[in-house]
Amino acid sequence: MGLYGGKTMKQVHKKKALKKSQKILDHMGSEELAANLFRATQTDAKLRREQIKSEAMANQTHQRVGKKVRETIKELGGTMPENLTTPDAITQAKKRIKNSKKKTINKPKT
């Protein structure tokens, strides 16, 4: 919630106009994925470093770190994660695979 300005994953899912069956992570571009990965790795490190054990404290830590990442994005003039475009990552990946197979098949033999 910290990274997404207090929005729940359900709210982000709706804002990005995803179907119920679609997973948010499958429909993030590299910028949003990187922000989420940075938040997750830094939170994990902080939980271990500060030996945070309780679920409530862990949740607070996730939210605080996410908020800091969001503040940094804002300070750098970036687009907030919930406002980034929602690529159809699965369809794009299938197209890349199909095109690479075509290139391999059509590649002249030497």
C-alpha atoms as a PDB file:
ATOM      1  CA  MET A   1       0.000   0.000   0.000  1.00  0.00           C
ATOM      2  CA  GLY A   2       2.879   2.364   0.687  1.00  0.00           C
ATOM      3  CA  LEU A   3       4.171   2.199  -2.873  1.00  0.00           C
ATOM      4  CA  TYR A   4       0.696   2.770  -4.300  1.00  0.00           C
ATOM      5  CA  GLY A   5      -0.286   5.782  -2.183  1.00  0.00           C
ATOM      6  CA  GLY A   6      -2.485   3.843   0.237  1.00  0.00           C
ATOM      7  CA  LYS A   7      -4.363   1.935  -2.453  1.00  0.00           C
ATOM      8  CA  THR A   8      -5.021  -1.761  -1.851  1.00  0.00           C
ATOM      9  CA  MET A   9      -4.049  -4.318  -4.484  1.00  0.00           C
ATOM     10  CA  LYS A  10      -7.755  -4.688  -5.275  1.00  0.00           C
ATOM     11  CA  GLN A  11      -7.977  -0.944  -5.958  1.00  0.00           C
ATOM     12  CA  VAL A  12      -4.827  -0.990  -8.109  1.00  0.00           C
ATOM     13  CA  HIS A  13      -6.196  -4.009  -9.989  1.00  0.00           C
ATOM     14  CA  LYS A  14      -9.380  -2.052 -10.731  1.00  0.00           C
ATOM     15  CA  LYS A  15      -7.505   1.151 -11.697  1.00  0.00           C
ATOM     16  CA  LYS A  16      -5.431  -0.799 -14.195  1.00  0.00           C
ATOM     17  CA  ALA A  17      -8.656  -2.292 -15.627  1.00  0.00           C
ATOM     18  CA  LEU A  18      -7.476  -5.860 -15.220  1.00  0.00           C
ATOM     19  CA  LYS A  19      -9.809  -8.834 -15.301  1.00  0.00           C
ATOM     20  CA  LYS A  20     -10.243 -10.813 -12.088  1.00  0.00           C
ATOM     21  CA  SER A  21      -8.258 -13.678 -13.608  1.00  0.00           C
ATOM     22  CA  GLN A  22      -5.293 -11.429 -14.487  1.00  0.00           C
ATOM     23  CA  LYS A  23      -2.377 -11.074 -12.081  1.00  0.00           C
ATOM     24  CA  ILE A  24      -1.034  -7.570 -11.547  1.00  0.00           C
ATOM     25  CA  LEU A  25       2.616  -8.677 -11.790  1.00  0.00           C
ATOM     26  CA  ASP A  26       1.962 -10.078 -15.272  1.00  0.00           C
ATOM     27  CA  HIS A  27       0.819  -6.646 -16.408  1.00  0.00           C
ATOM     28  CA  MET A  28       3.578  -4.363 -15.138  1.00  0.00           C
ATOM     29  CA  GLY A  29       6.218  -2.694 -17.221  1.00  0.00           C
ATOM     30  CA  SER A  30       9.872  -2.759 -16.237  1.00  0.00           C
ATOM     31  CA  GLU A  31       9.682   0.531 -14.298  1.00  0.00           C
ATOM     32  CA  GLU A  32       6.860  -0.665 -12.059  1.00  0.00           C
ATOM     33  CA  LEU A  33       8.389  -4.120 -11.639  1.00  0.00           C
ATOM     34  CA  ALA A  34      11.696  -2.546 -10.629  1.00  0.00           C
ATOM     35  CA  ALA A  35      10.000  -0.320  -8.037  1.00  0.00           C
ATOM     36  CA  ASN A  36       8.212  -3.340  -6.576  1.00  0.00           C
ATOM     37  CA  LEU A  37      11.364  -5.454  -6.549  1.00  0.00           C
ATOM     38  CA  PHE A  38      13.346  -2.668  -4.880  1.00  0.00           C
ATOM     39  CA  ARG A  39      10.613  -2.254  -2.252  1.00  0.00           C
ATOM     40  CA  ALA A  40      10.490  -5.999  -1.607  1.00  0.00           C
ATOM     41  CA  THR A  41      14.259  -6.479  -1.347  1.00  0.00           C
ATOM     42  CA  GLN A  42      14.744  -3.453   0.890  1.00  0.00           C
ATOM     43  CA  THR A  43      11.881  -4.506   3.141  1.00  0.00           C
ATOM     44  CA  ASP A  44      13.276  -8.030   3.408  1.00  0.00           C
ATOM     45  CA  ALA A  45      16.703  -6.661   4.316  1.00  0.00           C
ATOM     46  CA  LYS A  46      15.212  -4.316   6.926  1.00  0.00           C
ATOM     47  CA  LEU A  47      13.138  -7.125   8.478  1.00  0.00           C
ATOM     48  CA  ARG A  48      16.257  -9.291   8.815  1.00  0.00           C
ATOM     49  CA  ARG A  49      18.545  -6.455   9.935  1.00  0.00           C
ATOM     50  CA  GLU A  50      16.135  -5.254  12.621  1.00  0.00           C
ATOM     51  CA  GLN A  51      14.996  -8.791  13.472  1.00  0.00           C
ATOM     52  CA  ILE A  52      11.339  -7.920  13.047  1.00  0.00           C
ATOM     53  CA  LYS A  53       9.259 -10.983  13.865  1.00  0.00           C
ATOM     54  CA  SER A  54       5.643  -9.913  14.401  1.00  0.00           C
ATOM     55  CA  GLU A  55       3.258  -9.827  11.458  1.00  0.00           C
ATOM     56  CA  ALA A  56       1.965  -6.389  12.437  1.00  0.00           C
ATOM     57  CA  MET A  57       5.471  -4.909  12.540  1.00  0.00           C
ATOM     58  CA  ALA A  58       6.366  -6.617   9.256  1.00  0.00           C
ATOM     59  CA  ASN A  59       3.283  -5.117   7.593  1.00  0.00           C
ATOM     60  CA  GLN A  60       4.160  -1.657   8.930  1.00  0.00           C
ATOM     61  CA  THR A  61       7.705  -2.061   7.637  1.00  0.00           C
ATOM     62  CA  HIS A  62       6.454  -3.052   4.166  1.00  0.00           C
ATOM     63  CA  GLN A  63       4.229   0.015   4.100  1.00  0.00           C
ATOM     64  CA  ARG A  64       6.958   2.407   5.318  1.00  0.00           C
ATOM     65  CA  VAL A  65       9.527   1.150   2.815  1.00  0.00           C
ATOM     66  CA  GLY A  66       6.958   1.330   0.012  1.00  0.00           C
ATOM     67  CA  LYS A  67       6.131   4.899   0.998  1.00  0.00           C
ATOM     68  CA  LYS A  68       9.849   5.838   0.901  1.00  0.00           C
ATOM     69  CA  VAL A  69      10.220   4.307  -2.566  1.00  0.00           C
ATOM     70  CA  ARG A  70       7.145   6.258  -3.684  1.00  0.00           C
ATOM     71  CA  GLU A  71       8.582   9.497  -2.237  1.00  0.00           C
ATOM     72  CA  THR A  72      11.831   8.892  -4.118  1.00  0.00           C
ATOM     73  CA  ILE A  73       9.971   8.324  -7.393  1.00  0.00           C
ATOM     74  CA  LYS A  74       8.090  11.590  -6.795  1.00  0.00           C
ATOM     75  CA  GLU A  75      11.285  13.516  -5.961  1.00  0.00           C
ATOM     76  CA  LEU A  76      12.865  12.270  -9.188  1.00  0.00           C
ATOM     77  CA  GLY A  77       9.846  13.446 -11.177  1.00  0.00           C
ATOM     78  CA  GLY A  78       8.727   9.935 -12.026  1.00  0.00           C
ATOM     79  CA  THR A  79       5.260   8.582 -12.666  1.00  0.00           C
ATOM     80  CA  MET A  80       3.501   6.978  -9.725  1.00  0.00           C
ATOM     81  CA  PRO A  81       3.280   3.196 -10.146  1.00  0.00           C
ATOM     82  CA  GLU A  82      -0.518   3.093 -10.325  1.00  0.00           C
ATOM     83  CA  ASN A  83      -0.421   5.612 -13.190  1.00  0.00           C
ATOM     84  CA  LEU A  84       2.091   3.738 -15.326  1.00  0.00           C
ATOM     85  CA  THR A  85       0.793   2.083 -18.475  1.00  0.00           C
ATOM     86  CA  THR A  86      -0.364  -1.498 -18.185  1.00  0.00           C
ATOM     87  CA  PRO A  87       1.337  -3.514 -20.897  1.00  0.00           C
ATOM     88  CA  ASP A  88      -0.152  -6.802 -21.912  1.00  0.00           C
ATOM     89  CA  ALA A  89       3.046  -8.583 -20.916  1.00  0.00           C
ATOM     90  CA  ILE A  90       1.816 -12.094 -21.661  1.00  0.00           C
ATOM     91  CA  THR A  91       0.615 -11.244 -25.167  1.00  0.00           C
ATOM     92  CA  GLN A  92       3.822  -9.326 -25.854  1.00  0.00           C
ATOM     93  CA  ALA A  93       5.941 -12.248 -24.651  1.00  0.00           C
ATOM     94  CA  LYS A  94       4.010 -14.677 -26.857  1.00  0.00           C
ATOM     95  CA  LYS A  95       4.567 -12.363 -29.854  1.00  0.00           C
ATOM     96  CA  ARG A  96       8.313 -12.168 -29.111  1.00  0.00           C
ATOM     97  CA  ILE A  97       8.535 -15.951 -28.890  1.00  0.00           C
ATOM     98  CA  LYS A  98       6.549 -16.399 -32.102  1.00  0.00           C
ATOM     99  CA  ASN A  99       8.701 -13.831 -33.941  1.00  0.00           C
ATOM    100  CA  SER A 100      11.939 -15.378 -32.710  1.00  0.00           C
ATOM    101  CA  LYS A 101      10.756 -18.798 -33.925  1.00  0.00           C
ATOM    102  CA  LYS A 102       9.938 -17.294 -37.338  1.00  0.00           C
ATOM    103  CA  LYS A 103      13.405 -15.757 -37.557  1.00  0.00           C
ATOM    104  CA  THR A 104      14.981 -19.078 -36.659  1.00  0.00           C
ATOM    105  CA  ILE A 105      12.873 -20.955 -39.221  1.00  0.00           C
ATOM    106  CA  ASN A 106      13.427 -18.378 -41.983  1.00  0.00           C
ATOM    107  CA  LYS A 107      17.128 -17.965 -41.249  1.00  0.00           C
ATOM    108  CA  PRO A 108      19.155 -18.980 -44.331  1.00  0.00           C
ATOM    109  CA  LYS A 109      21.525 -21.858 -43.785  1.00  0.00           C
ATOM    110  CA  THR A 110      25.197 -21.150 -44.376  1.00  0.00           C
END
